[in-house]
Amino acid sequence: MESVITVPKEIIGQASFATKEVLSDRLEIERRRWYLQKALSLGNLFRHKVTITYQLYDGIPQRVVTTVWAVTERYVTLKGGRVIPVHAIREVEL
């Protein structure tokens, strides 16, 4: 089983994210979009933190626990202005 390191949101800006889509199934991609929208609602309404697992350029997964402030087609903005490309996100845990 692959171990995933939890990192502080402050180092997100230093990461080199995967450049290609990390999910292979269309249903998984749609599910990720739904969870991101739900995380956005929870973050804006209740300041609720979520866990986002993403993949780096070299294939190593990392996770961050933070509040989602904005979601676009291409990017997720976290508290503190940190940004993660949507295609690099593997999982969102509410």
Protein backbone atom coordinates (compact mmCIF):
# COMPACT_ATOMS: atom_id res chain seq x y z
CA MET A 1 0.00 0.00 0.00
CA GLU A 2 1.21 3.45 -0.91
CA SER A 3 1.92 5.77 2.01
CA VAL A 4 0.67 9.33 1.73
CA ILE A 5 2.34 12.19 3.56
CA THR A 6 0.19 14.96 5.01
CA VAL A 7 1.73 18.37 4.37
CA PRO A 8 0.88 21.86 5.65
CA LYS A 9 -0.98 24.04 3.15
CA GLU A 10 1.82 26.61 3.28
CA ILE A 11 4.12 24.39 1.17
CA ILE A 12 1.53 23.74 -1.58
CA GLY A 13 2.96 26.61 -3.64
CA GLN A 14 6.33 24.86 -3.78
CA ALA A 15 4.94 21.60 -5.21
CA SER A 16 5.29 20.43 -8.81
CA PHE A 17 1.96 18.80 -9.58
CA ALA A 18 1.17 16.01 -12.03
CA THR A 19 0.75 17.44 -15.53
CA LYS A 20 -1.80 14.87 -16.75
CA GLU A 21 -5.15 13.70 -15.41
CA VAL A 22 -4.52 11.35 -12.45
CA LEU A 23 -7.93 9.64 -12.59
CA SER A 24 -8.65 7.20 -15.41
CA ASP A 25 -12.39 6.65 -15.05
CA ARG A 26 -14.99 9.21 -16.16
CA LEU A 27 -17.17 8.40 -13.14
CA GLU A 28 -14.25 9.08 -10.77
CA ILE A 29 -13.67 12.44 -12.47
CA GLU A 30 -17.34 13.38 -12.08
CA ARG A 31 -17.31 12.22 -8.45
CA ARG A 32 -14.22 14.36 -7.77
CA ARG A 33 -16.00 17.39 -9.26
CA TRP A 34 -19.05 16.74 -7.01
CA TYR A 35 -16.87 16.41 -3.91
CA LEU A 36 -14.97 19.60 -4.76
CA GLN A 37 -18.25 21.51 -5.08
CA LYS A 38 -19.43 20.08 -1.76
CA ALA A 39 -16.09 21.00 -0.14
CA LEU A 40 -16.48 24.53 -1.50
CA SER A 41 -19.94 24.85 0.05
CA LEU A 42 -18.75 23.49 3.38
CA GLY A 43 -15.74 25.80 3.36
CA ASN A 44 -17.65 28.96 2.52
CA LEU A 45 -20.63 28.32 4.78
CA PHE A 46 -19.06 26.62 7.78
CA ARG A 47 -15.25 27.02 7.41
CA HIS A 48 -15.19 23.21 7.35
CA LYS A 49 -11.83 21.62 6.52
CA VAL A 50 -11.49 18.75 4.05
CA THR A 51 -8.65 16.40 3.15
CA ILE A 52 -7.41 16.60 -0.44
CA THR A 53 -5.07 13.93 -1.78
CA TYR A 54 -3.15 15.03 -4.87
CA GLN A 55 -0.34 13.67 -6.99
CA LEU A 56 3.01 15.31 -7.60
CA TYR A 57 4.89 15.39 -10.91
CA ASP A 58 6.99 12.38 -9.91
CA GLY A 59 3.88 10.32 -9.04
CA ILE A 60 4.20 10.68 -5.27
CA PRO A 61 0.88 11.34 -3.52
CA GLN A 62 0.49 13.94 -0.79
CA ARG A 63 -2.46 15.21 1.19
CA VAL A 64 -3.43 18.48 2.76
CA VAL A 65 -6.14 19.30 5.31
CA THR A 66 -7.57 22.73 4.58
CA THR A 67 -10.58 24.84 3.68
CA VAL A 68 -11.59 25.12 0.01
CA TRP A 69 -12.32 28.72 -0.96
CA ALA A 70 -12.88 28.47 -4.73
CA VAL A 71 -13.26 25.86 -7.46
CA THR A 72 -12.94 26.47 -11.21
CA GLU A 73 -12.77 24.06 -14.13
CA ARG A 74 -9.00 23.90 -13.80
CA TYR A 75 -8.01 24.89 -10.26
CA VAL A 76 -8.96 24.66 -6.60
CA THR A 77 -8.04 27.59 -4.37
CA LEU A 78 -7.38 26.81 -0.73
CA LYS A 79 -7.36 29.02 2.33
CA GLY A 80 -4.32 31.25 2.14
CA GLY A 81 -4.49 31.53 -1.66
CA ARG A 82 -2.77 28.21 -2.40
CA VAL A 83 -3.81 26.56 -5.67
CA ILE A 84 -3.98 22.92 -6.79
CA PRO A 85 -4.78 21.88 -10.38
CA VAL A 86 -7.98 19.81 -10.47
CA HIS A 87 -6.40 17.17 -12.73
CA ALA A 88 -3.79 16.42 -10.02
CA ILE A 89 -6.39 15.69 -7.30
CA ARG A 90 -6.96 12.01 -6.58
CA GLU A 91 -9.47 12.23 -3.73
CA VAL A 92 -11.48 14.65 -1.61
CA GLU A 93 -12.58 13.58 1.85
CA LEU A 94 -15.29 15.67 3.48
